[in-house]
Amino acid sequence: MLSGHVTTIYGAPLAGVQVNVVGYNLQTYTDGQGFYLFTNVPAAATKLFFNFIGYYPYEYLLNPFSHIYNLEMEWYTDEEWIFGSKKNNLVN
């Protein structure tokens, strides 16, 4: 069994994060409190992959001595918008 919580870097839970066991057809999503759970993970599994729109994807190496994997995801932007106005100074 593998489980954990996914939060923002500020500690707020992230609901709807896709969590995959890499190399296997195992996938789940975090609930409203950011919690996820896998009940039947093969012993040979080595990685978890976390993906959520607006956040950097993350790959987590599994440790055979741990079954709890908590993650803080960091938000990203792929474009920057600059808003402003230009003042024309008309001198007579």
PDB file of N, CA and C in Angstrom:
ATOM      1  N   MET A   1       0.846  -1.179   0.000  1.00  0.00           N
ATOM      2  CA  MET A   1       0.000   0.000   0.000  1.00  0.00           C
ATOM      3  C   MET A   1       0.893   1.244   0.000  1.00  0.00           C
ATOM      4  N   LEU A   2       0.531   2.233  -0.804  1.00  0.00           N
ATOM      5  CA  LEU A   2       1.208   3.531  -0.843  1.00  0.00           C
ATOM      6  C   LEU A   2       0.170   4.614  -0.668  1.00  0.00           C
ATOM      7  N   SER A   3       0.519   5.639   0.097  1.00  0.00           N
ATOM      8  CA  SER A   3      -0.408   6.750   0.290  1.00  0.00           C
ATOM      9  C   SER A   3       0.371   8.012   0.587  1.00  0.00           C
ATOM     10  N   GLY A   4      -0.344   9.129   0.629  1.00  0.00           N
ATOM     11  CA  GLY A   4       0.278  10.391   0.973  1.00  0.00           C
ATOM     12  C   GLY A   4      -0.651  11.554   0.716  1.00  0.00           C
ATOM     13  N   HIS A   5      -0.127  12.733   0.956  1.00  0.00           N
ATOM     14  CA  HIS A   5      -0.865  13.974   0.738  1.00  0.00           C
ATOM     15  C   HIS A   5      -0.081  14.851  -0.232  1.00  0.00           C
ATOM     16  N   VAL A   6      -0.811  15.569  -1.067  1.00  0.00           N
ATOM     17  CA  VAL A   6      -0.208  16.514  -1.999  1.00  0.00           C
ATOM     18  C   VAL A   6      -0.739  17.895  -1.647  1.00  0.00           C
ATOM     19  N   THR A   7       0.191  18.826  -1.443  1.00  0.00           N
ATOM     20  CA  THR A   7      -0.172  20.189  -1.073  1.00  0.00           C
ATOM     21  C   THR A   7       0.596  21.177  -1.946  1.00  0.00           C
ATOM     22  N   THR A   8       0.202  22.440  -1.843  1.00  0.00           N
ATOM     23  CA  THR A   8       0.982  23.512  -2.453  1.00  0.00           C
ATOM     24  C   THR A   8       2.182  23.768  -1.555  1.00  0.00           C
ATOM     25  N   ILE A   9       3.094  24.597  -2.014  1.00  0.00           N
ATOM     26  CA  ILE A   9       4.250  24.940  -1.186  1.00  0.00           C
ATOM     27  C   ILE A   9       3.839  25.745   0.041  1.00  0.00           C
ATOM     28  N   TYR A  10       2.590  26.221   0.057  1.00  0.00           N
ATOM     29  CA  TYR A  10       2.071  26.964   1.203  1.00  0.00           C
ATOM     30  C   TYR A  10       1.245  26.084   2.134  1.00  0.00           C
ATOM     31  N   GLY A  11       1.154  24.786   1.838  1.00  0.00           N
ATOM     32  CA  GLY A  11       0.459  23.857   2.716  1.00  0.00           C
ATOM     33  C   GLY A  11      -1.006  23.617   2.410  1.00  0.00           C
ATOM     34  N   ALA A  12      -1.551  24.255   1.383  1.00  0.00           N
ATOM     35  CA  ALA A  12      -2.957  24.042   1.019  1.00  0.00           C
ATOM     36  C   ALA A  12      -3.090  22.723   0.260  1.00  0.00           C
ATOM     37  N   PRO A  13      -4.075  21.887   0.597  1.00  0.00           N
ATOM     38  CA  PRO A  13      -4.243  20.612  -0.103  1.00  0.00           C
ATOM     39  C   PRO A  13      -4.634  20.823  -1.565  1.00  0.00           C
ATOM     40  N   LEU A  14      -4.137  19.941  -2.425  1.00  0.00           N
ATOM     41  CA  LEU A  14      -4.465  19.993  -3.850  1.00  0.00           C
ATOM     42  C   LEU A  14      -5.362  18.810  -4.200  1.00  0.00           C
ATOM     43  N   ALA A  15      -6.586  19.095  -4.595  1.00  0.00           N
ATOM     44  CA  ALA A  15      -7.530  18.052  -5.009  1.00  0.00           C
ATOM     45  C   ALA A  15      -7.428  17.836  -6.512  1.00  0.00           C
ATOM     46  N   GLY A  16      -7.515  16.592  -6.957  1.00  0.00           N
ATOM     47  CA  GLY A  16      -7.523  16.284  -8.379  1.00  0.00           C
ATOM     48  C   GLY A  16      -6.163  16.080  -9.008  1.00  0.00           C
ATOM     49  N   VAL A  17      -5.107  15.955  -8.196  1.00  0.00           N
ATOM     50  CA  VAL A  17      -3.779  15.683  -8.741  1.00  0.00           C
ATOM     51  C   VAL A  17      -3.746  14.241  -9.246  1.00  0.00           C
ATOM     52  N   GLN A  18      -3.280  14.053 -10.465  1.00  0.00           N
ATOM     53  CA  GLN A  18      -3.147  12.708 -11.027  1.00  0.00           C
ATOM     54  C   GLN A  18      -1.869  12.079 -10.483  1.00  0.00           C
ATOM     55  N   VAL A  19      -1.980  10.870  -9.926  1.00  0.00           N
ATOM     56  CA  VAL A  19      -0.834  10.147  -9.381  1.00  0.00           C
ATOM     57  C   VAL A  19      -0.760   8.798 -10.096  1.00  0.00           C
ATOM     58  N   ASN A  20       0.394   8.511 -10.704  1.00  0.00           N
ATOM     59  CA  ASN A  20       0.598   7.263 -11.447  1.00  0.00           C
ATOM     60  C   ASN A  20       1.752   6.476 -10.853  1.00  0.00           C
ATOM     61  N   VAL A  21       1.634   5.151 -10.868  1.00  0.00           N
ATOM     62  CA  VAL A  21       2.763   4.276 -10.583  1.00  0.00           C
ATOM     63  C   VAL A  21       3.433   4.041 -11.932  1.00  0.00           C
ATOM     64  N   VAL A  22       4.645   4.561 -12.096  1.00  0.00           N
ATOM     65  CA  VAL A  22       5.347   4.520 -13.379  1.00  0.00           C
ATOM     66  C   VAL A  22       5.632   3.070 -13.780  1.00  0.00           C
ATOM     67  N   GLY A  23       5.292   2.753 -15.038  1.00  0.00           N
ATOM     68  CA  GLY A  23       5.548   1.426 -15.568  1.00  0.00           C
ATOM     69  C   GLY A  23       4.420   0.437 -15.352  1.00  0.00           C
ATOM     70  N   TYR A  24       3.377   0.868 -14.670  1.00  0.00           N
ATOM     71  CA  TYR A  24       2.222   0.005 -14.394  1.00  0.00           C
ATOM     72  C   TYR A  24       0.950   0.777 -14.733  1.00  0.00           C
ATOM     73  N   ASN A  25      -0.104   0.081 -14.980  1.00  0.00           N
ATOM     74  CA  ASN A  25      -1.369   0.724 -15.311  1.00  0.00           C
ATOM     75  C   ASN A  25      -2.133   1.044 -14.027  1.00  0.00           C
ATOM     76  N   LEU A  26      -1.485   1.783 -13.139  1.00  0.00           N
ATOM     77  CA  LEU A  26      -2.094   2.166 -11.862  1.00  0.00           C
ATOM     78  C   LEU A  26      -2.136   3.683 -11.774  1.00  0.00           C
ATOM     79  N   GLN A  27      -3.324   4.220 -11.552  1.00  0.00           N
ATOM     80  CA  GLN A  27      -3.520   5.665 -11.498  1.00  0.00           C
ATOM     81  C   GLN A  27      -4.623   5.979 -10.505  1.00  0.00           C
ATOM     82  N   THR A  28      -4.457   7.087  -9.816  1.00  0.00           N
ATOM     83  CA  THR A  28      -5.503   7.591  -8.934  1.00  0.00           C
ATOM     84  C   THR A  28      -5.420   9.107  -8.925  1.00  0.00           C
ATOM     85  N   TYR A  29      -6.352   9.735  -8.217  1.00  0.00           N
ATOM     86  CA  TYR A  29      -6.377  11.192  -8.075  1.00  0.00           C
ATOM     87  C   TYR A  29      -6.514  11.538  -6.603  1.00  0.00           C
ATOM     88  N   THR A  30      -5.941  12.674  -6.217  1.00  0.00           N
ATOM     89  CA  THR A  30      -6.086  13.107  -4.830  1.00  0.00           C
ATOM     90  C   THR A  30      -7.515  13.562  -4.564  1.00  0.00           C
ATOM     91  N   ASP A  31      -7.945  13.378  -3.313  1.00  0.00           N
ATOM     92  CA  ASP A  31      -9.298  13.796  -2.924  1.00  0.00           C
ATOM     93  C   ASP A  31      -9.290  15.261  -2.487  1.00  0.00           C
ATOM     94  N   GLY A  32     -10.360  15.716  -1.888  1.00  0.00           N
ATOM     95  CA  GLY A  32     -10.504  17.113  -1.480  1.00  0.00           C
ATOM     96  C   GLY A  32      -9.496  17.582  -0.449  1.00  0.00           C
ATOM     97  N   GLN A  33      -8.898  16.633   0.272  1.00  0.00           N
ATOM     98  CA  GLN A  33      -7.875  16.975   1.265  1.00  0.00           C
ATOM     99  C   GLN A  33      -6.467  16.723   0.735  1.00  0.00           C
ATOM    100  N   GLY A  34      -6.365  16.414  -0.562  1.00  0.00           N
ATOM    101  CA  GLY A  34      -5.056  16.159  -1.164  1.00  0.00           C
ATOM    102  C   GLY A  34      -4.527  14.759  -0.907  1.00  0.00           C
ATOM    103  N   PHE A  35      -5.358  13.844  -0.394  1.00  0.00           N
ATOM    104  CA  PHE A  35      -4.936  12.490  -0.041  1.00  0.00           C
ATOM    105  C   PHE A  35      -5.093  11.548  -1.230  1.00  0.00           C
ATOM    106  N   TYR A  36      -4.127  10.648  -1.397  1.00  0.00           N
ATOM    107  CA  TYR A  36      -4.234   9.595  -2.413  1.00  0.00           C
ATOM    108  C   TYR A  36      -3.856   8.263  -1.776  1.00  0.00           C
ATOM    109  N   LEU A  37      -4.317   7.159  -2.399  1.00  0.00           N
ATOM    110  CA  LEU A  37      -4.068   5.823  -1.858  1.00  0.00           C
ATOM    111  C   LEU A  37      -4.012   4.808  -2.989  1.00  0.00           C
ATOM    112  N   PHE A  38      -2.983   3.980  -2.973  1.00  0.00           N
ATOM    113  CA  PHE A  38      -2.887   2.798  -3.830  1.00  0.00           C
ATOM    114  C   PHE A  38      -2.874   1.589  -2.906  1.00  0.00           C
ATOM    115  N   THR A  39      -3.708   0.595  -3.179  1.00  0.00           N
ATOM    116  CA  THR A  39      -3.773  -0.578  -2.298  1.00  0.00           C
ATOM    117  C   THR A  39      -2.968  -1.765  -2.808  1.00  0.00           C
ATOM    118  N   ASN A  40      -2.789  -1.910  -4.108  1.00  0.00           N
ATOM    119  CA  ASN A  40      -2.080  -3.070  -4.664  1.00  0.00           C
ATOM    120  C   ASN A  40      -0.953  -2.631  -5.584  1.00  0.00           C
ATOM    121  N   VAL A  41       0.142  -2.170  -5.011  1.00  0.00           N
ATOM    122  CA  VAL A  41       1.285  -1.728  -5.807  1.00  0.00           C
ATOM    123  C   VAL A  41       2.296  -2.873  -5.875  1.00  0.00           C
ATOM    124  N   PRO A  42       2.735  -3.240  -7.079  1.00  0.00           N
ATOM    125  CA  PRO A  42       3.737  -4.303  -7.195  1.00  0.00           C
ATOM    126  C   PRO A  42       5.022  -3.944  -6.451  1.00  0.00           C
ATOM    127  N   ALA A  43       5.654  -4.941  -5.864  1.00  0.00           N
ATOM    128  CA  ALA A  43       6.894  -4.709  -5.112  1.00  0.00           C
ATOM    129  C   ALA A  43       8.002  -4.169  -6.006  1.00  0.00           C
ATOM    130  N   ALA A  44       7.939  -4.443  -7.307  1.00  0.00           N
ATOM    131  CA  ALA A  44       8.974  -3.986  -8.236  1.00  0.00           C
ATOM    132  C   ALA A  44       8.806  -2.526  -8.656  1.00  0.00           C
ATOM    133  N   ALA A  45       7.719  -1.880  -8.264  1.00  0.00           N
ATOM    134  CA  ALA A  45       7.495  -0.474  -8.637  1.00  0.00           C
ATOM    135  C   ALA A  45       8.580   0.404  -8.036  1.00  0.00           C
ATOM    136  N   THR A  46       9.072   1.360  -8.831  1.00  0.00           N
ATOM    137  CA  THR A  46      10.172   2.205  -8.366  1.00  0.00           C
ATOM    138  C   THR A  46       9.871   3.697  -8.354  1.00  0.00           C
ATOM    139  N   LYS A  47       8.780   4.133  -9.040  1.00  0.00           N
ATOM    140  CA  LYS A  47       8.524   5.574  -9.145  1.00  0.00           C
ATOM    141  C   LYS A  47       7.038   5.887  -9.106  1.00  0.00           C
ATOM    142  N   LEU A  48       6.735   7.065  -8.540  1.00  0.00           N
ATOM    143  CA  LEU A  48       5.411   7.668  -8.650  1.00  0.00           C
ATOM    144  C   LEU A  48       5.559   8.922  -9.499  1.00  0.00           C
ATOM    145  N   PHE A  49       4.535   9.236 -10.278  1.00  0.00           N
ATOM    146  CA  PHE A  49       4.538  10.448 -11.088  1.00  0.00           C
ATOM    147  C   PHE A  49       3.301  11.262 -10.748  1.00  0.00           C
ATOM    148  N   PHE A  50       3.503  12.542 -10.411  1.00  0.00           N
ATOM    149  CA  PHE A  50       2.430  13.454 -10.027  1.00  0.00           C
ATOM    150  C   PHE A  50       2.261  14.498 -11.117  1.00  0.00           C
ATOM    151  N   ASN A  51       1.012  14.767 -11.508  1.00  0.00           N
ATOM    152  CA  ASN A  51       0.759  15.737 -12.562  1.00  0.00           C
ATOM    153  C   ASN A  51      -0.529  16.501 -12.255  1.00  0.00           C
ATOM    154  N   PHE A  52      -0.470  17.829 -12.388  1.00  0.00           N
ATOM    155  CA  PHE A  52      -1.634  18.670 -12.138  1.00  0.00           C
ATOM    156  C   PHE A  52      -1.479  19.942 -12.955  1.00  0.00           C
ATOM    157  N   ILE A  53      -2.520  20.330 -13.666  1.00  0.00           N
ATOM    158  CA  ILE A  53      -2.469  21.517 -14.523  1.00  0.00           C
ATOM    159  C   ILE A  53      -2.092  22.748 -13.700  1.00  0.00           C
ATOM    160  N   GLY A  54      -1.122  23.501 -14.204  1.00  0.00           N
ATOM    161  CA  GLY A  54      -0.681  24.721 -13.541  1.00  0.00           C
ATOM    162  C   GLY A  54       0.453  24.513 -12.554  1.00  0.00           C
ATOM    163  N   TYR A  55       0.877  23.241 -12.378  1.00  0.00           N
ATOM    164  CA  TYR A  55       1.961  22.926 -11.445  1.00  0.00           C
ATOM    165  C   TYR A  55       3.023  22.106 -12.165  1.00  0.00           C
ATOM    166  N   TYR A  56       4.269  22.217 -11.686  1.00  0.00           N
ATOM    167  CA  TYR A  56       5.330  21.414 -12.265  1.00  0.00           C
ATOM    168  C   TYR A  56       5.053  19.939 -12.006  1.00  0.00           C
ATOM    169  N   PRO A  57       5.191  19.073 -13.025  1.00  0.00           N
ATOM    170  CA  PRO A  57       5.063  17.634 -12.782  1.00  0.00           C
ATOM    171  C   PRO A  57       6.242  17.159 -11.936  1.00  0.00           C
ATOM    172  N   TYR A  58       6.039  16.072 -11.225  1.00  0.00           N
ATOM    173  CA  TYR A  58       7.074  15.601 -10.316  1.00  0.00           C
ATOM    174  C   TYR A  58       7.141  14.087 -10.340  1.00  0.00           C
ATOM    175  N   GLU A  59       8.350  13.545 -10.393  1.00  0.00           N
ATOM    176  CA  GLU A  59       8.570  12.105 -10.321  1.00  0.00           C
ATOM    177  C   GLU A  59       9.258  11.796  -8.995  1.00  0.00           C
ATOM    178  N   TYR A  60       8.739  10.846  -8.269  1.00  0.00           N
ATOM    179  CA  TYR A  60       9.196  10.523  -6.920  1.00  0.00           C
ATOM    180  C   TYR A  60       9.754   9.108  -6.917  1.00  0.00           C
ATOM    181  N   LEU A  61      11.005   8.927  -6.534  1.00  0.00           N
ATOM    182  CA  LEU A  61      11.593   7.597  -6.417  1.00  0.00           C
ATOM    183  C   LEU A  61      11.091   6.927  -5.146  1.00  0.00           C
ATOM    184  N   LEU A  62      10.631   5.686  -5.285  1.00  0.00           N
ATOM    185  CA  LEU A  62      10.095   4.961  -4.142  1.00  0.00           C
ATOM    186  C   LEU A  62      11.216   4.351  -3.315  1.00  0.00           C
ATOM    187  N   ASN A  63      11.014   4.349  -2.021  1.00  0.00           N
ATOM    188  CA  ASN A  63      11.929   3.755  -1.058  1.00  0.00           C
ATOM    189  C   ASN A  63      11.259   2.493  -0.524  1.00  0.00           C
ATOM    190  N   PRO A  64      11.917   1.338  -0.589  1.00  0.00           N
ATOM    191  CA  PRO A  64      11.261   0.105  -0.133  1.00  0.00           C
ATOM    192  C   PRO A  64      10.927   0.097   1.357  1.00  0.00           C
ATOM    193  N   PHE A  65      11.462   1.036   2.116  1.00  0.00           N
ATOM    194  CA  PHE A  65      11.216   1.071   3.553  1.00  0.00           C
ATOM    195  C   PHE A  65      10.140   2.076   3.957  1.00  0.00           C
ATOM    196  N   SER A  66       9.543   2.744   2.977  1.00  0.00           N
ATOM    197  CA  SER A  66       8.512   3.734   3.271  1.00  0.00           C
ATOM    198  C   SER A  66       7.287   3.480   2.402  1.00  0.00           C
ATOM    199  N   HIS A  67       6.117   3.766   2.951  1.00  0.00           N
ATOM    200  CA  HIS A  67       4.870   3.597   2.206  1.00  0.00           C
ATOM    201  C   HIS A  67       4.048   4.881   2.188  1.00  0.00           C
ATOM    202  N   ILE A  68       4.618   5.961   2.721  1.00  0.00           N
ATOM    203  CA  ILE A  68       3.935   7.249   2.748  1.00  0.00           C
ATOM    204  C   ILE A  68       4.793   8.254   1.992  1.00  0.00           C
ATOM    205  N   TYR A  69       4.195   8.886   0.986  1.00  0.00           N
ATOM    206  CA  TYR A  69       4.913   9.840   0.148  1.00  0.00           C
ATOM    207  C   TYR A  69       4.107  11.127   0.054  1.00  0.00           C
ATOM    208  N   ASN A  70       4.543  12.126   0.807  1.00  0.00           N
ATOM    209  CA  ASN A  70       3.903  13.439   0.782  1.00  0.00           C
ATOM    210  C   ASN A  70       4.679  14.336  -0.176  1.00  0.00           C
ATOM    211  N   LEU A  71       3.973  15.230  -0.822  1.00  0.00           N
ATOM    212  CA  LEU A  71       4.605  16.066  -1.838  1.00  0.00           C
ATOM    213  C   LEU A  71       4.049  17.473  -1.786  1.00  0.00           C
ATOM    214  N   GLU A  72       4.936  18.463  -1.923  1.00  0.00           N
ATOM    215  CA  GLU A  72       4.539  19.859  -2.100  1.00  0.00           C
ATOM    216  C   GLU A  72       4.780  20.202  -3.566  1.00  0.00           C
ATOM    217  N   MET A  73       3.726  20.591  -4.267  1.00  0.00           N
ATOM    218  CA  MET A  73       3.857  20.939  -5.683  1.00  0.00           C
ATOM    219  C   MET A  73       3.985  22.451  -5.838  1.00  0.00           C
ATOM    220  N   GLU A  74       4.830  22.835  -6.786  1.00  0.00           N
ATOM    221  CA  GLU A  74       5.081  24.255  -7.037  1.00  0.00           C
ATOM    222  C   GLU A  74       4.371  24.698  -8.307  1.00  0.00           C
ATOM    223  N   TRP A  75       3.686  25.832  -8.225  1.00  0.00           N
ATOM    224  CA  TRP A  75       2.932  26.404  -9.329  1.00  0.00           C
ATOM    225  C   TRP A  75       3.882  26.983 -10.359  1.00  0.00           C
ATOM    226  N   TYR A  76       3.498  26.928 -11.626  1.00  0.00           N
ATOM    227  CA  TYR A  76       4.320  27.537 -12.671  1.00  0.00           C
ATOM    228  C   TYR A  76       3.462  28.322 -13.644  1.00  0.00           C
ATOM    229  N   THR A  77       4.131  29.204 -14.354  1.00  0.00           N
ATOM    230  CA  THR A  77       3.493  29.910 -15.462  1.00  0.00           C
ATOM    231  C   THR A  77       4.360  29.694 -16.689  1.00  0.00           C
ATOM    232  N   ASP A  78       3.732  29.548 -17.828  1.00  0.00           N
ATOM    233  CA  ASP A  78       4.506  29.393 -19.049  1.00  0.00           C
ATOM    234  C   ASP A  78       4.479  30.648 -19.911  1.00  0.00           C
ATOM    235  N   GLU A  79       3.699  31.621 -19.504  1.00  0.00           N
ATOM    236  CA  GLU A  79       3.665  32.898 -20.205  1.00  0.00           C
ATOM    237  C   GLU A  79       3.584  34.014 -19.177  1.00  0.00           C
ATOM    238  N   GLU A  80       4.123  35.144 -19.541  1.00  0.00           N
ATOM    239  CA  GLU A  80       4.007  36.316 -18.687  1.00  0.00           C
ATOM    240  C   GLU A  80       3.277  37.398 -19.468  1.00  0.00           C
ATOM    241  N   TRP A  81       2.364  38.043 -18.812  1.00  0.00           N
ATOM    242  CA  TRP A  81       1.615  39.143 -19.412  1.00  0.00           C
ATOM    243  C   TRP A  81       1.993  40.415 -18.683  1.00  0.00           C
ATOM    244  N   ILE A  82       2.271  41.452 -19.447  1.00  0.00           N
ATOM    245  CA  ILE A  82       2.607  42.744 -18.858  1.00  0.00           C
ATOM    246  C   ILE A  82       1.539  43.733 -19.291  1.00  0.00           C
ATOM    247  N   PHE A  83       0.907  44.344 -18.317  1.00  0.00           N
ATOM    248  CA  PHE A  83      -0.143  45.321 -18.589  1.00  0.00           C
ATOM    249  C   PHE A  83       0.330  46.690 -18.149  1.00  0.00           C
ATOM    250  N   GLY A  84      -0.087  47.690 -18.868  1.00  0.00           N
ATOM    251  CA  GLY A  84       0.283  49.040 -18.491  1.00  0.00           C
ATOM    252  C   GLY A  84      -0.271  50.028 -19.505  1.00  0.00           C
ATOM    253  N   SER A  85       0.146  51.240 -19.356  1.00  0.00           N
ATOM    254  CA  SER A  85      -0.278  52.266 -20.299  1.00  0.00           C
ATOM    255  C   SER A  85       0.913  53.154 -20.607  1.00  0.00           C
ATOM    256  N   LYS A  86       0.810  53.819 -21.709  1.00  0.00           N
ATOM    257  CA  LYS A  86       1.874  54.718 -22.125  1.00  0.00           C
ATOM    258  C   LYS A  86       1.328  56.131 -22.106  1.00  0.00           C
ATOM    259  N   LYS A  87       2.068  56.999 -21.475  1.00  0.00           N
ATOM    260  CA  LYS A  87       1.655  58.395 -21.408  1.00  0.00           C
ATOM    261  C   LYS A  87       2.442  59.175 -22.454  1.00  0.00           C
ATOM    262  N   ASN A  88       1.711  59.818 -23.335  1.00  0.00           N
ATOM    263  CA  ASN A  88       2.350  60.686 -24.324  1.00  0.00           C
ATOM    264  C   ASN A  88       2.434  62.085 -23.739  1.00  0.00           C
ATOM    265  N   ASN A  89       3.618  62.639 -23.726  1.00  0.00           N
ATOM    266  CA  ASN A  89       3.827  63.970 -23.194  1.00  0.00           C
ATOM    267  C   ASN A  89       3.926  64.938 -24.375  1.00  0.00           C
ATOM    268  N   LEU A  90       2.846  65.642 -24.636  1.00  0.00           N
ATOM    269  CA  LEU A  90       2.815  66.586 -25.752  1.00  0.00           C
ATOM    270  C   LEU A  90       3.230  67.963 -25.256  1.00  0.00           C
ATOM    271  N   VAL A  91       4.282  68.476 -25.844  1.00  0.00           N
ATOM    272  CA  VAL A  91       4.784  69.791 -25.452  1.00  0.00           C
ATOM    273  C   VAL A  91       4.573  70.750 -26.620  1.00  0.00           C
ATOM    274  N   ASN A  92       3.975  71.932 -26.340  1.00  0.00           N
ATOM    275  CA  ASN A  92       3.745  72.947 -27.380  1.00  0.00           C
ATOM    276  C   ASN A  92       4.906  73.877 -27.474  1.00  0.00           C
TER     277      ASN A  92
END
